[in-house]
Amino acid sequence: MKQSPRVLLTIDYEPWFALSRKYDRLNDLQMRSDLDHGFTKDALSQILELFSGYAISFFLVGEIAEWYPQVPAAITAAGHELGFHCQLHRSLTNPDELELDLVRSRSWRQQYRVTGYRAPMVGLGESGYPLLAKEGFSYSSSIYAPTGSLQRKSGILEIPVSTFSLQSRRAIYNAPRPFNIRLLLDGEIPFGSSFMSGLTPGWVLKRVESELKAGLSPVLILHPYELIKPERFLKNLLPDLVTSPQLLPFTRNKLAFLTELLKNFPVGRMDQFFKESM
């Protein structure tokens, strides 16, 4: 099937505190729910309204499905793809921790026939692909690489989050490939990250336009707290922003960016793009 270039727009649907690494090892599920304070449930209707008339992909953190079963139901009812981000948001580069996370999420994933995966912090190792295949996933979007660098790994099609490369395209991009200094030194600018749409939104839109004109379909990430602000968001994150100022672009409101993106470019679901790529 011939592909029409479009923006593969994705929402990593996660609690606001996923942005702070200090909660990664908080295993008390009730405390995690209390921290969310209803945000991921209450913000969803407004976010779905923003995408009325469009179809995109939501990569859901599984604990939200446990707190609020109506959230995954509402996403799919609105015509969007429901993908899997993780069960509890933290680094899952360790294959044993990834396997446990997949087991914990199996029930609701099977209920919604989830076939797409996005690793937390876009960080997945090569050892993760066989585990994804075993759990019935079809594709992953868990590394950064130049737009269109599709690769098959253990039966899983990797559709990378988009970068703009200053160097020649490689034949193979091995995981992990997160957004870090090494990636930048390698000559790649990860314009698909919401860090970049928070830092230089105008340049990202121009980059998207160039990719589409070249016949490519760039993959972009946004987060719910970038579209609808949680209560006391900046106040709660202030200690993290002081020690990790690189988080600041993730706290910027992206509504203006999203409005320009939807007005000027076609958008689509990752699972549909996957089917066309087969």
Protein backbone atom coordinates (compact mmCIF):
# COMPACT_ATOMS: atom_id res chain seq x y z
CA MET A 1 0.00 0.00 0.00
CA LYS A 2 1.36 3.41 -0.98
CA GLN A 3 1.98 5.65 2.02
CA SER A 4 0.88 9.26 2.19
CA PRO A 5 3.38 11.33 4.18
CA ARG A 6 1.91 12.64 7.43
CA VAL A 7 2.96 13.52 10.94
CA LEU A 8 2.82 10.47 13.21
CA LEU A 9 1.70 12.45 16.23
CA THR A 10 1.92 10.63 19.55
CA ILE A 11 0.96 11.44 23.12
CA ASP A 12 2.92 9.72 25.87
CA TYR A 13 -0.02 9.74 28.25
CA GLU A 14 1.57 9.77 31.67
CA PRO A 15 1.13 11.37 35.12
CA TRP A 16 2.68 14.81 35.61
CA PHE A 17 5.21 13.38 38.06
CA ALA A 18 6.71 11.13 35.38
CA LEU A 19 8.80 14.15 34.44
CA SER A 20 10.56 13.98 37.82
CA ARG A 21 13.07 11.18 38.29
CA LYS A 22 12.65 11.29 42.09
CA TYR A 23 9.42 9.30 41.79
CA ASP A 24 10.89 6.49 39.67
CA ARG A 25 11.36 4.19 42.67
CA LEU A 26 8.08 5.05 44.38
CA ASN A 27 6.36 1.66 44.40
CA ASP A 28 3.41 2.50 46.64
CA LEU A 29 0.58 2.43 44.11
CA GLN A 30 -1.82 4.43 46.30
CA MET A 31 0.77 7.17 46.82
CA ARG A 32 1.32 7.34 43.07
CA SER A 33 -2.41 7.66 42.48
CA ASP A 34 -2.64 10.37 45.13
CA LEU A 35 0.17 12.30 43.44
CA ASP A 36 -1.72 12.28 40.14
CA HIS A 37 -4.63 13.89 41.99
CA GLY A 38 -7.06 13.04 39.19
CA PHE A 39 -5.08 14.96 36.55
CA THR A 40 -4.84 12.22 33.90
CA LYS A 41 -8.59 11.56 34.17
CA ASP A 42 -9.73 15.17 34.32
CA ALA A 43 -7.47 16.41 31.51
CA LEU A 44 -8.46 13.73 29.02
CA SER A 45 -11.75 15.21 27.81
CA GLN A 46 -10.05 18.53 27.05
CA ILE A 47 -7.20 16.78 25.27
CA LEU A 48 -9.55 14.64 23.21
CA GLU A 49 -11.44 17.79 22.24
CA LEU A 50 -8.18 19.26 20.90
CA PHE A 51 -7.95 16.29 18.54
CA SER A 52 -11.59 16.24 17.47
CA GLY A 53 -11.64 15.27 13.79
CA TYR A 54 -8.13 13.77 13.93
CA ALA A 55 -6.77 10.31 14.73
CA ILE A 56 -3.43 9.95 16.53
CA SER A 57 -1.68 7.50 18.89
CA PHE A 58 -1.76 7.57 22.69
CA PHE A 59 0.94 5.56 24.49
CA LEU A 60 -0.64 5.00 27.88
CA VAL A 61 1.08 4.42 31.22
CA GLY A 62 -0.71 1.34 32.52
CA GLU A 63 -1.23 2.44 36.10
CA ILE A 64 -3.58 5.11 34.73
CA ALA A 65 -5.75 2.35 33.27
CA GLU A 66 -5.94 0.86 36.76
CA TRP A 67 -6.76 4.17 38.46
CA TYR A 68 -9.28 5.23 35.84
CA PRO A 69 -10.56 2.43 33.56
CA GLN A 70 -12.56 5.05 31.65
CA VAL A 71 -9.36 6.61 30.29
CA PRO A 72 -8.33 3.86 27.81
CA ALA A 73 -12.00 3.34 26.91
CA ALA A 74 -12.41 7.04 26.08
CA ILE A 75 -9.23 7.15 23.99
CA THR A 76 -10.29 4.26 21.78
CA ALA A 77 -13.91 5.46 21.59
CA ALA A 78 -12.62 8.77 20.18
CA GLY A 79 -10.96 6.90 17.30
CA HIS A 80 -7.37 7.03 18.50
CA GLU A 81 -4.84 4.22 18.78
CA LEU A 82 -4.10 2.97 22.28
CA GLY A 83 -0.43 2.01 22.66
CA PHE A 84 1.62 1.03 25.70
CA HIS A 85 4.21 3.28 27.34
CA CYS A 86 4.94 1.26 30.51
CA GLN A 87 3.05 0.09 33.59
CA LEU A 88 5.01 2.26 36.05
CA HIS A 89 7.03 5.13 34.55
CA ARG A 90 10.75 4.61 35.07
CA SER A 91 13.77 3.45 33.07
CA LEU A 92 13.19 -0.05 31.65
CA THR A 93 16.49 -0.70 29.90
CA ASN A 94 17.04 -3.69 32.22
CA PRO A 95 15.37 -6.67 30.46
CA ASP A 96 14.25 -8.26 33.73
CA GLU A 97 12.44 -5.08 34.80
CA LEU A 98 10.94 -4.70 31.33
CA GLU A 99 9.66 -8.27 31.39
CA LEU A 100 8.04 -7.72 34.79
CA ASP A 101 6.45 -4.50 33.56
CA LEU A 102 5.01 -6.32 30.56
CA VAL A 103 3.59 -9.08 32.73
CA ARG A 104 1.95 -6.57 35.07
CA SER A 105 0.25 -4.82 32.17
CA ARG A 106 -0.82 -7.90 30.24
CA SER A 107 -4.47 -7.98 31.29
CA TRP A 108 -5.52 -4.50 30.14
CA ARG A 109 -3.27 -4.62 27.06
CA GLN A 110 -4.95 -7.79 25.89
CA GLN A 111 -8.35 -6.27 26.57
CA TYR A 112 -7.58 -3.40 24.18
CA ARG A 113 -5.44 -5.43 21.76
CA VAL A 114 -2.48 -3.12 22.16
CA THR A 115 0.19 -3.66 19.50
CA GLY A 116 2.41 -0.57 19.77
CA TYR A 117 5.11 0.18 22.36
CA ARG A 118 7.02 3.30 23.40
CA ALA A 119 9.71 2.85 26.06
CA PRO A 120 9.88 5.38 28.92
CA MET A 121 12.31 8.18 28.06
CA VAL A 122 12.56 6.55 24.61
CA GLY A 123 15.07 4.13 26.10
CA LEU A 124 15.00 0.51 24.96
CA GLY A 125 17.89 -1.93 24.63
CA GLU A 126 18.26 -4.53 21.89
CA SER A 127 17.36 -7.23 24.43
CA GLY A 128 13.91 -5.69 24.76
CA TYR A 129 12.69 -6.56 21.28
CA PRO A 130 12.35 -10.34 21.81
CA LEU A 131 10.33 -9.58 24.95
CA LEU A 132 8.01 -7.30 22.99
CA ALA A 133 7.59 -9.95 20.31
CA LYS A 134 6.74 -12.56 22.95
CA GLU A 135 4.02 -10.27 24.33
CA GLY A 136 2.40 -9.81 20.92
CA PHE A 137 3.55 -6.32 19.99
CA SER A 138 3.87 -5.47 16.30
CA TYR A 139 5.94 -2.30 16.42
CA SER A 140 7.96 -0.10 18.74
CA SER A 141 8.86 3.59 18.71
CA SER A 142 11.60 3.49 21.30
CA ILE A 143 14.78 4.93 19.80
CA TYR A 144 15.76 8.25 18.21
CA ALA A 145 16.88 8.07 14.59
CA PRO A 146 16.42 9.96 11.30
CA THR A 147 12.86 10.01 9.98
CA GLY A 148 12.10 6.92 7.91
CA SER A 149 14.83 4.73 9.44
CA LEU A 150 12.53 1.75 9.87
CA GLN A 151 14.17 -1.44 11.08
CA ARG A 152 12.96 -4.90 11.97
CA LYS A 153 14.29 -6.34 15.22
CA SER A 154 13.21 -9.80 16.41
CA GLY A 155 10.03 -9.46 14.38
CA ILE A 156 9.26 -6.00 15.78
CA LEU A 157 9.23 -3.02 13.41
CA GLU A 158 11.06 -0.12 15.04
CA ILE A 159 9.62 3.23 13.92
CA PRO A 160 12.00 5.75 15.55
CA VAL A 161 11.13 9.10 17.04
CA SER A 162 12.46 11.56 14.48
CA THR A 163 15.86 13.21 14.40
CA PHE A 164 17.44 15.52 11.87
CA SER A 165 20.84 14.12 11.03
CA LEU A 166 23.78 16.26 9.95
CA GLN A 167 25.55 13.14 8.72
CA SER A 168 24.80 10.42 6.19
CA ARG A 169 22.06 7.98 7.08
CA ARG A 170 23.30 4.69 8.52
CA ALA A 171 22.19 1.22 7.49
CA ILE A 172 21.56 0.15 11.08
CA TYR A 173 20.62 2.03 14.26
CA ASN A 174 21.08 -0.11 17.34
CA ALA A 175 19.25 0.45 20.60
CA PRO A 176 19.52 2.13 22.99
CA ARG A 177 19.41 5.54 21.30
CA PRO A 178 17.93 7.95 23.86
CA PHE A 179 18.11 11.73 23.77
CA ASN A 180 21.49 12.49 25.33
CA ILE A 181 24.76 14.31 24.68
CA ARG A 182 26.12 11.38 22.71
CA LEU A 183 23.21 11.63 20.26
CA LEU A 184 23.90 15.33 19.75
CA LEU A 185 27.63 14.74 19.32
CA ASP A 186 26.69 12.15 16.73
CA GLY A 187 25.21 14.96 14.67
CA GLU A 188 21.52 14.30 15.32
CA ILE A 189 18.93 16.79 16.54
CA PRO A 190 15.88 15.00 17.99
CA PHE A 191 13.16 17.31 16.70
CA GLY A 192 10.55 14.65 17.46
CA SER A 193 11.13 15.13 21.18
CA SER A 194 8.84 17.60 22.94
CA PHE A 195 12.04 19.09 24.37
CA MET A 196 12.61 20.61 20.94
CA SER A 197 9.03 21.82 20.42
CA GLY A 198 9.38 23.51 23.81
CA LEU A 199 12.75 25.03 22.94
CA THR A 200 12.39 25.93 19.23
CA PRO A 201 8.79 25.28 18.09
CA GLY A 202 9.14 27.30 14.89
CA TRP A 203 12.18 25.31 13.75
CA VAL A 204 10.42 22.02 14.51
CA LEU A 205 7.46 23.04 12.32
CA LYS A 206 9.84 23.93 9.49
CA ARG A 207 11.61 20.60 9.93
CA VAL A 208 8.28 18.78 9.78
CA GLU A 209 7.42 20.58 6.56
CA SER A 210 10.74 19.59 5.00
CA GLU A 211 10.33 15.93 5.97
CA LEU A 212 6.81 15.77 4.53
CA LYS A 213 7.95 17.37 1.27
CA ALA A 214 10.65 14.67 1.08
CA GLY A 215 7.92 12.02 1.30
CA LEU A 216 8.70 11.05 4.90
CA SER A 217 6.44 10.74 7.95
CA PRO A 218 8.08 12.26 11.05
CA VAL A 219 7.28 10.88 14.51
CA LEU A 220 6.62 13.51 17.20
CA ILE A 221 5.94 13.25 20.95
CA LEU A 222 3.81 15.40 23.22
CA HIS A 223 2.67 14.88 26.82
CA PRO A 224 -0.64 15.66 28.54
CA TYR A 225 0.90 18.19 30.96
CA GLU A 226 2.23 20.15 27.98
CA LEU A 227 -1.32 20.71 26.73
CA ILE A 228 -3.30 20.97 29.98
CA LYS A 229 -1.48 22.22 33.07
CA PRO A 230 -1.88 20.28 36.34
CA GLU A 231 -2.48 22.24 39.52
CA ARG A 232 0.73 23.54 41.10
CA PHE A 233 2.72 21.98 38.26
CA LEU A 234 5.74 24.28 38.32
CA LYS A 235 5.69 24.56 42.11
CA ASN A 236 5.78 20.77 42.46
CA LEU A 237 8.59 20.49 39.92
CA LEU A 238 10.66 23.44 41.15
CA PRO A 239 13.31 21.33 42.99
CA ASP A 240 13.79 19.24 39.82
CA LEU A 241 14.02 22.31 37.60
CA VAL A 242 16.69 23.83 39.84
CA THR A 243 18.89 20.73 39.64
CA SER A 244 17.88 19.72 36.09
CA PRO A 245 17.09 22.88 34.07
CA GLN A 246 16.99 20.77 30.89
CA LEU A 247 13.48 19.75 31.99
CA LEU A 248 12.18 23.30 31.51
CA PRO A 249 11.18 22.89 27.80
CA PHE A 250 8.93 19.99 28.85
CA THR A 251 6.97 22.36 31.11
CA ARG A 252 6.13 24.86 28.37
CA ASN A 253 2.57 25.03 27.10
CA LYS A 254 2.44 23.47 23.60
CA LEU A 255 -1.10 24.47 22.62
CA ALA A 256 0.10 27.10 20.11
CA PHE A 257 2.55 24.60 18.62
CA LEU A 258 -0.16 21.95 18.36
CA THR A 259 -2.60 24.38 16.75
CA GLU A 260 -0.07 25.28 14.04
CA LEU A 261 0.81 21.63 13.50
CA LEU A 262 -2.80 20.51 13.04
CA LYS A 263 -3.66 23.52 10.87
CA ASN A 264 -0.82 23.04 8.42
CA PHE A 265 -0.02 19.32 8.25
CA PRO A 266 -1.82 15.96 8.03
CA VAL A 267 -1.52 13.70 11.07
CA GLY A 268 -2.11 9.98 11.52
CA ARG A 269 -1.95 6.92 13.75
CA MET A 270 1.18 4.82 14.20
CA ASP A 271 -0.65 1.49 13.83
CA GLN A 272 -2.07 2.50 10.46
CA PHE A 273 1.39 3.57 9.30
CA PHE A 274 2.72 0.20 10.49
CA LYS A 275 0.15 -1.69 8.40
CA GLU A 276 1.06 0.34 5.33
CA SER A 277 4.75 -0.41 5.91
CA MET A 278 4.29 -4.16 5.80
